[in-house]
Amino acid sequence: MAEQEIRERLWQWRRAHPQATFDEIDAEVARQYAAEEAAMVGALSVGGPETATGERAAVVCPQCQAPMQRRGQRTRQALSRRGEAVPLTRDYYVCPACGAGLFPPG
C-alpha cells in the first residue's frame, strides 16, 4: 500500500470522527502505519536465500549439517516490534539424517 493510500484512509477516518481528540488521532495514525509496516515485514520475510543464478540455496540442517528436504509450506504468526501480528508462510524443511525440522528465517 502506498503512502498516499494510508493518508487517504486517515482523512476518511478523520471525517468519520470529527470529534476525535489529539490522542485518538495519534493512536489511529500509529495503528494505520503499524499495520502497513507489519505487512511490509511479512512480505520481506517470506523470500528465501537465493544463489547468484536465482535458484534457492540449499538448506543445511543446523544440528548435523546434512542437506534438508522441503516438506511443503507452513504458516506461523510472528509479532512485529510494534506488536502487530504478521503471518509468515514459508517452506518447511526436515532433515533426513536427524529428523530436525526447520522453518527458515528468510
PDB file of N, CA and C in Angstrom:
ATOM      1  N   MET A   1       0.843  -1.168   0.000  1.00  0.00           N
ATOM      2  CA  MET A   1       0.000   0.000   0.000  1.00  0.00           C
ATOM      3  C   MET A   1       0.889   1.233   0.000  1.00  0.00           C
ATOM      4  N   ALA A   2       0.542   2.182  -0.775  1.00  0.00           N
ATOM      5  CA  ALA A   2       1.352   3.384  -0.899  1.00  0.00           C
ATOM      6  C   ALA A   2       1.039   4.375   0.212  1.00  0.00           C
ATOM      7  N   GLU A   3       1.984   5.234   0.453  1.00  0.00           N
ATOM      8  CA  GLU A   3       1.824   6.299   1.448  1.00  0.00           C
ATOM      9  C   GLU A   3       0.541   7.087   1.207  1.00  0.00           C
ATOM     10  N   GLN A   4       0.261   7.383  -0.054  1.00  0.00           N
ATOM     11  CA  GLN A   4      -0.932   8.163  -0.387  1.00  0.00           C
ATOM     12  C   GLN A   4      -2.206   7.432   0.040  1.00  0.00           C
ATOM     13  N   GLU A   5      -2.246   6.127  -0.109  1.00  0.00           N
ATOM     14  CA  GLU A   5      -3.422   5.356   0.298  1.00  0.00           C
ATOM     15  C   GLU A   5      -3.636   5.441   1.804  1.00  0.00           C
ATOM     16  N   ILE A   6      -2.567   5.374   2.564  1.00  0.00           N
ATOM     17  CA  ILE A   6      -2.681   5.491   4.013  1.00  0.00           C
ATOM     18  C   ILE A   6      -3.217   6.871   4.372  1.00  0.00           C
ATOM     19  N   ARG A   7      -2.676   7.885   3.739  1.00  0.00           N
ATOM     20  CA  ARG A   7      -3.141   9.255   4.007  1.00  0.00           C
ATOM     21  C   ARG A   7      -4.623   9.410   3.681  1.00  0.00           C
ATOM     22  N   GLU A   8      -5.052   8.854   2.564  1.00  0.00           N
ATOM     23  CA  GLU A   8      -6.466   8.933   2.192  1.00  0.00           C
ATOM     24  C   GLU A   8      -7.342   8.229   3.216  1.00  0.00           C
ATOM     25  N   ARG A   9      -6.915   7.048   3.661  1.00  0.00           N
ATOM     26  CA  ARG A   9      -7.679   6.329   4.692  1.00  0.00           C
ATOM     27  C   ARG A   9      -7.743   7.123   5.985  1.00  0.00           C
ATOM     28  N   LEU A  10      -6.636   7.769   6.328  1.00  0.00           N
ATOM     29  CA  LEU A  10      -6.621   8.568   7.557  1.00  0.00           C
ATOM     30  C   LEU A  10      -7.557   9.772   7.449  1.00  0.00           C
ATOM     31  N   TRP A  11      -7.588  10.430   6.290  1.00  0.00           N
ATOM     32  CA  TRP A  11      -8.514  11.534   6.124  1.00  0.00           C
ATOM     33  C   TRP A  11      -9.951  11.049   6.147  1.00  0.00           C
ATOM     34  N   GLN A  12     -10.227   9.893   5.589  1.00  0.00           N
ATOM     35  CA  GLN A  12     -11.584   9.318   5.662  1.00  0.00           C
ATOM     36  C   GLN A  12     -11.955   9.044   7.122  1.00  0.00           C
ATOM     37  N   TRP A  13     -11.022   8.476   7.859  1.00  0.00           N
ATOM     38  CA  TRP A  13     -11.256   8.209   9.277  1.00  0.00           C
ATOM     39  C   TRP A  13     -11.539   9.519  10.011  1.00  0.00           C
ATOM     40  N   ARG A  14     -10.750  10.542   9.706  1.00  0.00           N
ATOM     41  CA  ARG A  14     -10.906  11.831  10.382  1.00  0.00           C
ATOM     42  C   ARG A  14     -12.277  12.432  10.103  1.00  0.00           C
ATOM     43  N   ARG A  15     -12.747  12.346   8.854  1.00  0.00           N
ATOM     44  CA  ARG A  15     -14.080  12.853   8.513  1.00  0.00           C
ATOM     45  C   ARG A  15     -15.162  12.075   9.260  1.00  0.00           C
ATOM     46  N   ALA A  16     -14.936  10.777   9.450  1.00  0.00           N
ATOM     47  CA  ALA A  16     -15.908   9.949  10.166  1.00  0.00           C
ATOM     48  C   ALA A  16     -15.846  10.160  11.682  1.00  0.00           C
ATOM     49  N   HIS A  17     -14.782  10.791  12.165  1.00  0.00           N
ATOM     50  CA  HIS A  17     -14.597  11.027  13.604  1.00  0.00           C
ATOM     51  C   HIS A  17     -14.258  12.506  13.847  1.00  0.00           C
ATOM     52  N   PRO A  18     -15.215  13.417  13.577  1.00  0.00           N
ATOM     53  CA  PRO A  18     -14.910  14.847  13.678  1.00  0.00           C
ATOM     54  C   PRO A  18     -14.621  15.315  15.107  1.00  0.00           C
ATOM     55  N   GLN A  19     -15.032  14.564  16.092  1.00  0.00           N
ATOM     56  CA  GLN A  19     -14.814  14.960  17.487  1.00  0.00           C
ATOM     57  C   GLN A  19     -13.597  14.264  18.100  1.00  0.00           C
ATOM     58  N   ALA A  20     -12.815  13.585  17.291  1.00  0.00           N
ATOM     59  CA  ALA A  20     -11.662  12.845  17.815  1.00  0.00           C
ATOM     60  C   ALA A  20     -10.683  13.782  18.513  1.00  0.00           C
ATOM     61  N   THR A  21     -10.155  13.293  19.618  1.00  0.00           N
ATOM     62  CA  THR A  21      -9.150  14.064  20.352  1.00  0.00           C
ATOM     63  C   THR A  21      -7.789  13.885  19.699  1.00  0.00           C
ATOM     64  N   PHE A  22      -6.850  14.704  20.113  1.00  0.00           N
ATOM     65  CA  PHE A  22      -5.484  14.583  19.623  1.00  0.00           C
ATOM     66  C   PHE A  22      -4.950  13.180  19.874  1.00  0.00           C
ATOM     67  N   ASP A  23      -5.163  12.638  21.073  1.00  0.00           N
ATOM     68  CA  ASP A  23      -4.673  11.290  21.405  1.00  0.00           C
ATOM     69  C   ASP A  23      -5.323  10.219  20.536  1.00  0.00           C
ATOM     70  N   GLU A  24      -6.605  10.364  20.229  1.00  0.00           N
ATOM     71  CA  GLU A  24      -7.287   9.392  19.367  1.00  0.00           C
ATOM     72  C   GLU A  24      -6.744   9.461  17.939  1.00  0.00           C
ATOM     73  N   ILE A  25      -6.495  10.678  17.466  1.00  0.00           N
ATOM     74  CA  ILE A  25      -5.916  10.840  16.130  1.00  0.00           C
ATOM     75  C   ILE A  25      -4.518  10.224  16.094  1.00  0.00           C
ATOM     76  N   ASP A  26      -3.723  10.511  17.107  1.00  0.00           N
ATOM     77  CA  ASP A  26      -2.376   9.960  17.197  1.00  0.00           C
ATOM     78  C   ASP A  26      -2.410   8.435  17.201  1.00  0.00           C
ATOM     79  N   ALA A  27      -3.331   7.864  17.950  1.00  0.00           N
ATOM     80  CA  ALA A  27      -3.447   6.404  18.027  1.00  0.00           C
ATOM     81  C   ALA A  27      -3.855   5.809  16.680  1.00  0.00           C
ATOM     82  N   GLU A  28      -4.768   6.470  15.959  1.00  0.00           N
ATOM     83  CA  GLU A  28      -5.204   5.950  14.659  1.00  0.00           C
ATOM     84  C   GLU A  28      -4.083   6.027  13.631  1.00  0.00           C
ATOM     85  N   VAL A  29      -3.333   7.119  13.623  1.00  0.00           N
ATOM     86  CA  VAL A  29      -2.192   7.237  12.703  1.00  0.00           C
ATOM     87  C   VAL A  29      -1.191   6.121  12.996  1.00  0.00           C
ATOM     88  N   ALA A  30      -0.889   5.899  14.272  1.00  0.00           N
ATOM     89  CA  ALA A  30       0.055   4.847  14.653  1.00  0.00           C
ATOM     90  C   ALA A  30      -0.470   3.476  14.235  1.00  0.00           C
ATOM     91  N   ARG A  31      -1.774   3.224  14.426  1.00  0.00           N
ATOM     92  CA  ARG A  31      -2.367   1.935  14.067  1.00  0.00           C
ATOM     93  C   ARG A  31      -2.272   1.688  12.565  1.00  0.00           C
ATOM     94  N   GLN A  32      -2.603   2.706  11.773  1.00  0.00           N
ATOM     95  CA  GLN A  32      -2.575   2.548  10.316  1.00  0.00           C
ATOM     96  C   GLN A  32      -1.153   2.279   9.813  1.00  0.00           C
ATOM     97  N   TYR A  33      -0.181   3.016  10.321  1.00  0.00           N
ATOM     98  CA  TYR A  33       1.198   2.811   9.883  1.00  0.00           C
ATOM     99  C   TYR A  33       1.773   1.499  10.412  1.00  0.00           C
ATOM    100  N   ALA A  34       1.387   1.109  11.629  1.00  0.00           N
ATOM    101  CA  ALA A  34       1.869  -0.169  12.172  1.00  0.00           C
ATOM    102  C   ALA A  34       1.357  -1.333  11.326  1.00  0.00           C
ATOM    103  N   ALA A  35       0.113  -1.262  10.891  1.00  0.00           N
ATOM    104  CA  ALA A  35      -0.434  -2.326  10.040  1.00  0.00           C
ATOM    105  C   ALA A  35       0.328  -2.404   8.721  1.00  0.00           C
ATOM    106  N   GLU A  36       0.660  -1.250   8.135  1.00  0.00           N
ATOM    107  CA  GLU A  36       1.421  -1.241   6.885  1.00  0.00           C
ATOM    108  C   GLU A  36       2.835  -1.766   7.093  1.00  0.00           C
ATOM    109  N   GLU A  37       3.453  -1.375   8.193  1.00  0.00           N
ATOM    110  CA  GLU A  37       4.802  -1.868   8.491  1.00  0.00           C
ATOM    111  C   GLU A  37       4.791  -3.380   8.682  1.00  0.00           C
ATOM    112  N   ALA A  38       3.784  -3.897   9.374  1.00  0.00           N
ATOM    113  CA  ALA A  38       3.689  -5.342   9.585  1.00  0.00           C
ATOM    114  C   ALA A  38       3.527  -6.072   8.254  1.00  0.00           C
ATOM    115  N   ALA A  39       2.719  -5.523   7.362  1.00  0.00           N
ATOM    116  CA  ALA A  39       2.541  -6.135   6.044  1.00  0.00           C
ATOM    117  C   ALA A  39       3.855  -6.144   5.266  1.00  0.00           C
ATOM    118  N   MET A  40       4.615  -5.068   5.368  1.00  0.00           N
ATOM    119  CA  MET A  40       5.899  -4.996   4.664  1.00  0.00           C
ATOM    120  C   MET A  40       6.900  -5.982   5.255  1.00  0.00           C
ATOM    121  N   VAL A  41       6.949  -6.085   6.582  1.00  0.00           N
ATOM    122  CA  VAL A  41       7.847  -7.047   7.236  1.00  0.00           C
ATOM    123  C   VAL A  41       7.491  -8.460   6.783  1.00  0.00           C
ATOM    124  N   GLY A  42       6.206  -8.770   6.743  1.00  0.00           N
ATOM    125  CA  GLY A  42       5.783 -10.087   6.283  1.00  0.00           C
ATOM    126  C   GLY A  42       6.187 -10.358   4.851  1.00  0.00           C
ATOM    127  N   ALA A  43       5.986  -9.378   3.976  1.00  0.00           N
ATOM    128  CA  ALA A  43       6.342  -9.550   2.561  1.00  0.00           C
ATOM    129  C   ALA A  43       7.840  -9.755   2.386  1.00  0.00           C
ATOM    130  N   LEU A  44       8.634  -9.002   3.119  1.00  0.00           N
ATOM    131  CA  LEU A  44      10.087  -9.132   3.002  1.00  0.00           C
ATOM    132  C   LEU A  44      10.606 -10.413   3.643  1.00  0.00           C
ATOM    133  N   SER A  45       9.866 -10.958   4.593  1.00  0.00           N
ATOM    134  CA  SER A  45      10.320 -12.137   5.335  1.00  0.00           C
ATOM    135  C   SER A  45      10.066 -13.451   4.623  1.00  0.00           C
ATOM    136  N   VAL A  46       9.188 -13.479   3.650  1.00  0.00           N
ATOM    137  CA  VAL A  46       8.870 -14.755   3.016  1.00  0.00           C
ATOM    138  C   VAL A  46       9.812 -15.124   1.889  1.00  0.00           C
ATOM    139  N   GLY A  47      10.651 -14.216   1.454  1.00  0.00           N
ATOM    140  CA  GLY A  47      11.641 -14.550   0.434  1.00  0.00           C
ATOM    141  C   GLY A  47      12.712 -15.435   1.037  1.00  0.00           C
ATOM    142  N   GLY A  48      13.313 -16.253   0.232  1.00  0.00           N
ATOM    143  CA  GLY A  48      14.337 -17.156   0.745  1.00  0.00           C
ATOM    144  C   GLY A  48      15.704 -16.839   0.194  1.00  0.00           C
ATOM    145  N   PRO A  49      16.710 -17.479   0.737  1.00  0.00           N
ATOM    146  CA  PRO A  49      18.060 -17.264   0.219  1.00  0.00           C
ATOM    147  C   PRO A  49      18.171 -17.806  -1.199  1.00  0.00           C
ATOM    148  N   GLU A  50      18.782 -17.030  -2.067  1.00  0.00           N
ATOM    149  CA  GLU A  50      18.945 -17.447  -3.455  1.00  0.00           C
ATOM    150  C   GLU A  50      20.407 -17.382  -3.847  1.00  0.00           C
ATOM    151  N   THR A  51      20.751 -18.200  -4.811  1.00  0.00           N
ATOM    152  CA  THR A  51      22.120 -18.189  -5.329  1.00  0.00           C
ATOM    153  C   THR A  51      22.237 -17.089  -6.374  1.00  0.00           C
ATOM    154  N   ALA A  52      23.413 -16.904  -6.921  1.00  0.00           N
ATOM    155  CA  ALA A  52      23.640 -15.890  -7.950  1.00  0.00           C
ATOM    156  C   ALA A  52      22.812 -16.162  -9.202  1.00  0.00           C
ATOM    157  N   THR A  53      22.441 -17.415  -9.451  1.00  0.00           N
ATOM    158  CA  THR A  53      21.644 -17.756 -10.636  1.00  0.00           C
ATOM    159  C   THR A  53      20.154 -17.578 -10.392  1.00  0.00           C
ATOM    160  N   GLY A  54      19.757 -17.181  -9.173  1.00  0.00           N
ATOM    161  CA  GLY A  54      18.351 -17.000  -8.860  1.00  0.00           C
ATOM    162  C   GLY A  54      17.693 -18.240  -8.281  1.00  0.00           C
ATOM    163  N   GLU A  55      18.435 -19.349  -8.213  1.00  0.00           N
ATOM    164  CA  GLU A  55      17.886 -20.569  -7.626  1.00  0.00           C
ATOM    165  C   GLU A  55      17.981 -20.485  -6.103  1.00  0.00           C
ATOM    166  N   ARG A  56      17.113 -21.225  -5.434  1.00  0.00           N
ATOM    167  CA  ARG A  56      17.157 -21.256  -3.977  1.00  0.00           C
ATOM    168  C   ARG A  56      18.414 -21.968  -3.508  1.00  0.00           C
ATOM    169  N   ALA A  57      19.038 -21.408  -2.500  1.00  0.00           N
ATOM    170  CA  ALA A  57      20.229 -22.024  -1.922  1.00  0.00           C
ATOM    171  C   ALA A  57      19.822 -23.283  -1.153  1.00  0.00           C
ATOM    172  N   ALA A  58      20.717 -24.245  -1.076  1.00  0.00           N
ATOM    173  CA  ALA A  58      20.449 -25.468  -0.318  1.00  0.00           C
ATOM    174  C   ALA A  58      20.294 -25.125   1.157  1.00  0.00           C
ATOM    175  N   VAL A  59      19.354 -25.793   1.803  1.00  0.00           N
ATOM    176  CA  VAL A  59      19.146 -25.585   3.235  1.00  0.00           C
ATOM    177  C   VAL A  59      19.859 -26.708   3.965  1.00  0.00           C
ATOM    178  N   VAL A  60      20.690 -26.334   4.914  1.00  0.00           N
ATOM    179  CA  VAL A  60      21.505 -27.298   5.656  1.00  0.00           C
ATOM    180  C   VAL A  60      21.006 -27.360   7.093  1.00  0.00           C
ATOM    181  N   CYS A  61      20.937 -28.561   7.625  1.00  0.00           N
ATOM    182  CA  CYS A  61      20.478 -28.770   8.995  1.00  0.00           C
ATOM    183  C   CYS A  61      21.415 -28.049   9.976  1.00  0.00           C
ATOM    184  N   PRO A  62      20.870 -27.212  10.844  1.00  0.00           N
ATOM    185  CA  PRO A  62      21.726 -26.515  11.807  1.00  0.00           C
ATOM    186  C   PRO A  62      22.300 -27.445  12.882  1.00  0.00           C
ATOM    187  N   GLN A  63      21.704 -28.644  13.038  1.00  0.00           N
ATOM    188  CA  GLN A  63      22.179 -29.581  14.058  1.00  0.00           C
ATOM    189  C   GLN A  63      23.282 -30.506  13.553  1.00  0.00           C
ATOM    190  N   CYS A  64      23.076 -31.112  12.354  1.00  0.00           N
ATOM    191  CA  CYS A  64      24.051 -32.100  11.882  1.00  0.00           C
ATOM    192  C   CYS A  64      24.696 -31.729  10.539  1.00  0.00           C
ATOM    193  N   GLN A  65      24.307 -30.596   9.962  1.00  0.00           N
ATOM    194  CA  GLN A  65      24.873 -30.079   8.717  1.00  0.00           C
ATOM    195  C   GLN A  65      24.517 -30.889   7.471  1.00  0.00           C
ATOM    196  N   ALA A  66      23.567 -31.803   7.554  1.00  0.00           N
ATOM    197  CA  ALA A  66      23.125 -32.575   6.384  1.00  0.00           C
ATOM    198  C   ALA A  66      22.166 -31.716   5.545  1.00  0.00           C
ATOM    199  N   PRO A  67      22.108 -31.966   4.236  1.00  0.00           N
ATOM    200  CA  PRO A  67      21.141 -31.242   3.399  1.00  0.00           C
ATOM    201  C   PRO A  67      19.719 -31.604   3.827  1.00  0.00           C
ATOM    202  N   MET A  68      18.855 -30.598   3.901  1.00  0.00           N
ATOM    203  CA  MET A  68      17.476 -30.829   4.336  1.00  0.00           C
ATOM    204  C   MET A  68      16.555 -30.960   3.134  1.00  0.00           C
ATOM    205  N   GLN A  69      15.396 -31.592   3.344  1.00  0.00           N
ATOM    206  CA  GLN A  69      14.415 -31.790   2.281  1.00  0.00           C
ATOM    207  C   GLN A  69      13.198 -30.916   2.550  1.00  0.00           C
ATOM    208  N   ARG A  70      12.688 -30.293   1.491  1.00  0.00           N
ATOM    209  CA  ARG A  70      11.498 -29.446   1.602  1.00  0.00           C
ATOM    210  C   ARG A  70      10.276 -30.331   1.835  1.00  0.00           C
ATOM    211  N   ARG A  71       9.442 -29.928   2.785  1.00  0.00           N
ATOM    212  CA  ARG A  71       8.214 -30.675   3.100  1.00  0.00           C
ATOM    213  C   ARG A  71       7.003 -29.749   3.087  1.00  0.00           C
ATOM    214  N   GLY A  72       6.814 -29.062   1.986  1.00  0.00           N
ATOM    215  CA  GLY A  72       5.656 -28.176   1.854  1.00  0.00           C
ATOM    216  C   GLY A  72       5.878 -26.829   2.516  1.00  0.00           C
ATOM    217  N   GLN A  73       4.762 -26.164   2.773  1.00  0.00           N
ATOM    218  CA  GLN A  73       4.836 -24.850   3.404  1.00  0.00           C
ATOM    219  C   GLN A  73       4.075 -24.857   4.718  1.00  0.00           C
ATOM    220  N   ARG A  74       4.484 -23.979   5.596  1.00  0.00           N
ATOM    221  CA  ARG A  74       3.826 -23.797   6.888  1.00  0.00           C
ATOM    222  C   ARG A  74       3.620 -22.315   7.105  1.00  0.00           C
ATOM    223  N   THR A  75       2.637 -22.000   7.909  1.00  0.00           N
ATOM    224  CA  THR A  75       2.377 -20.608   8.275  1.00  0.00           C
ATOM    225  C   THR A  75       2.535 -20.457   9.773  1.00  0.00           C
ATOM    226  N   ARG A  76       3.233 -19.421  10.155  1.00  0.00           N
ATOM    227  CA  ARG A  76       3.395 -19.062  11.565  1.00  0.00           C
ATOM    228  C   ARG A  76       3.051 -17.597  11.739  1.00  0.00           C
ATOM    229  N   GLN A  77       2.657 -17.252  12.938  1.00  0.00           N
ATOM    230  CA  GLN A  77       2.414 -15.858  13.281  1.00  0.00           C
ATOM    231  C   GLN A  77       3.627 -15.331  14.031  1.00  0.00           C
ATOM    232  N   ALA A  78       4.120 -14.208  13.608  1.00  0.00           N
ATOM    233  CA  ALA A  78       5.200 -13.529  14.316  1.00  0.00           C
ATOM    234  C   ALA A  78       4.670 -12.164  14.732  1.00  0.00           C
ATOM    235  N   LEU A  79       5.285 -11.571  15.710  1.00  0.00           N
ATOM    236  CA  LEU A  79       4.904 -10.237  16.134  1.00  0.00           C
ATOM    237  C   LEU A  79       5.962  -9.239  15.692  1.00  0.00           C
ATOM    238  N   SER A  80       5.510  -8.142  15.102  1.00  0.00           N
ATOM    239  CA  SER A  80       6.441  -7.083  14.728  1.00  0.00           C
ATOM    240  C   SER A  80       6.901  -6.374  15.999  1.00  0.00           C
ATOM    241  N   ARG A  81       7.857  -5.501  15.873  1.00  0.00           N
ATOM    242  CA  ARG A  81       8.352  -4.751  17.030  1.00  0.00           C
ATOM    243  C   ARG A  81       7.258  -3.910  17.658  1.00  0.00           C
ATOM    244  N   ARG A  82       6.252  -3.572  16.872  1.00  0.00           N
ATOM    245  CA  ARG A  82       5.138  -2.770  17.392  1.00  0.00           C
ATOM    246  C   ARG A  82       3.977  -3.634  17.885  1.00  0.00           C
ATOM    247  N   GLY A  83       4.160  -4.948  17.860  1.00  0.00           N
ATOM    248  CA  GLY A  83       3.131  -5.843  18.374  1.00  0.00           C
ATOM    249  C   GLY A  83       2.071  -6.250  17.376  1.00  0.00           C
ATOM    250  N   GLU A  84       2.269  -5.950  16.094  1.00  0.00           N
ATOM    251  CA  GLU A  84       1.318  -6.353  15.056  1.00  0.00           C
ATOM    252  C   GLU A  84       1.561  -7.812  14.681  1.00  0.00           C
ATOM    253  N   ALA A  85       0.482  -8.575  14.517  1.00  0.00           N
ATOM    254  CA  ALA A  85       0.605  -9.962  14.082  1.00  0.00           C
ATOM    255  C   ALA A  85       0.969 -10.001  12.599  1.00  0.00           C
ATOM    256  N   VAL A  86       1.983 -10.785  12.264  1.00  0.00           N
ATOM    257  CA  VAL A  86       2.458 -10.908  10.884  1.00  0.00           C
ATOM    258  C   VAL A  86       2.434 -12.381  10.508  1.00  0.00           C
ATOM    259  N   PRO A  87       1.524 -12.796   9.604  1.00  0.00           N
ATOM    260  CA  PRO A  87       1.533 -14.190   9.170  1.00  0.00           C
ATOM    261  C   PRO A  87       2.687 -14.434   8.202  1.00  0.00           C
ATOM    262  N   LEU A  88       3.453 -15.485   8.442  1.00  0.00           N
ATOM    263  CA  LEU A  88       4.583 -15.836   7.584  1.00  0.00           C
ATOM    264  C   LEU A  88       4.351 -17.233   7.019  1.00  0.00           C
ATOM    265  N   THR A  89       4.249 -17.334   5.709  1.00  0.00           N
ATOM    266  CA  THR A  89       4.096 -18.628   5.048  1.00  0.00           C
ATOM    267  C   THR A  89       5.372 -18.885   4.268  1.00  0.00           C
ATOM    268  N   ARG A  90       6.084 -19.920   4.677  1.00  0.00           N
ATOM    269  CA  ARG A  90       7.369 -20.239   4.046  1.00  0.00           C
ATOM    270  C   ARG A  90       7.532 -21.747   3.945  1.00  0.00           C
ATOM    271  N   ASP A  91       8.555 -22.127   3.191  1.00  0.00           N
ATOM    272  CA  ASP A  91       8.879 -23.544   3.062  1.00  0.00           C
ATOM    273  C   ASP A  91       9.269 -24.109   4.419  1.00  0.00           C
ATOM    274  N   TYR A  92       8.939 -25.375   4.627  1.00  0.00           N
ATOM    275  CA  TYR A  92       9.308 -26.087   5.840  1.00  0.00           C
ATOM    276  C   TYR A  92      10.221 -27.237   5.421  1.00  0.00           C
ATOM    277  N   TYR A  93      11.315 -27.434   6.154  1.00  0.00           N
ATOM    278  CA  TYR A  93      12.307 -28.449   5.807  1.00  0.00           C
ATOM    279  C   TYR A  93      12.472 -29.453   6.942  1.00  0.00           C
ATOM    280  N   VAL A  94      12.786 -30.697   6.551  1.00  0.00           N
ATOM    281  CA  VAL A  94      13.064 -31.764   7.506  1.00  0.00           C
ATOM    282  C   VAL A  94      14.402 -32.397   7.135  1.00  0.00           C
ATOM    283  N   CYS A  95      15.184 -32.689   8.143  1.00  0.00           N
ATOM    284  CA  CYS A  95      16.484 -33.321   7.930  1.00  0.00           C
ATOM    285  C   CYS A  95      16.294 -34.836   7.889  1.00  0.00           C
ATOM    286  N   PRO A  96      16.663 -35.499   6.784  1.00  0.00           N
ATOM    287  CA  PRO A  96      16.514 -36.948   6.707  1.00  0.00           C
ATOM    288  C   PRO A  96      17.510 -37.677   7.612  1.00  0.00           C
ATOM    289  N   ALA A  97      18.589 -37.014   7.997  1.00  0.00           N
ATOM    290  CA  ALA A  97      19.606 -37.660   8.830  1.00  0.00           C
ATOM    291  C   ALA A  97      19.216 -37.681  10.308  1.00  0.00           C
ATOM    292  N   CYS A  98      18.763 -36.535  10.842  1.00  0.00           N
ATOM    293  CA  CYS A  98      18.491 -36.494  12.282  1.00  0.00           C
ATOM    294  C   CYS A  98      17.032 -36.199  12.623  1.00  0.00           C
ATOM    295  N   GLY A  99      16.216 -35.885  11.611  1.00  0.00           N
ATOM    296  CA  GLY A  99      14.792 -35.657  11.838  1.00  0.00           C
ATOM    297  C   GLY A  99      14.415 -34.251  12.290  1.00  0.00           C
ATOM    298  N   ALA A 100      15.375 -33.357  12.380  1.00  0.00           N
ATOM    299  CA  ALA A 100      15.073 -31.978  12.822  1.00  0.00           C
ATOM    300  C   ALA A 100      14.222 -31.274  11.770  1.00  0.00           C
ATOM    301  N   GLY A 101      13.317 -30.421  12.223  1.00  0.00           N
ATOM    302  CA  GLY A 101      12.500 -29.608  11.330  1.00  0.00           C
ATOM    303  C   GLY A 101      12.999 -28.178  11.362  1.00  0.00           C
ATOM    304  N   LEU A 102      12.763 -27.462  10.263  1.00  0.00           N
ATOM    305  CA  LEU A 102      13.256 -26.089  10.176  1.00  0.00           C
ATOM    306  C   LEU A 102      12.285 -25.237   9.393  1.00  0.00           C
ATOM    307  N   PHE A 103      11.945 -24.109   9.963  1.00  0.00           N
ATOM    308  CA  PHE A 103      11.139 -23.070   9.327  1.00  0.00           C
ATOM    309  C   PHE A 103      12.106 -21.906   9.139  1.00  0.00           C
ATOM    310  N   PRO A 104      12.816 -21.850   7.983  1.00  0.00           N
ATOM    311  CA  PRO A 104      13.894 -20.879   7.809  1.00  0.00           C
ATOM    312  C   PRO A 104      13.464 -19.445   8.061  1.00  0.00           C
ATOM    313  N   PRO A 105      14.372 -18.615   8.542  1.00  0.00           N
ATOM    314  CA  PRO A 105      14.039 -17.227   8.831  1.00  0.00           C
ATOM    315  C   PRO A 105      13.888 -16.344   7.603  1.00  0.00           C
ATOM    316  N   GLY A 106      14.279 -16.772   6.477  1.00  0.00           N
ATOM    317  CA  GLY A 106      14.153 -15.878   5.331  1.00  0.00           C
ATOM    318  C   GLY A 106      14.298 -16.619   4.093  1.00  0.00           C
TER     319      GLY A 106
END
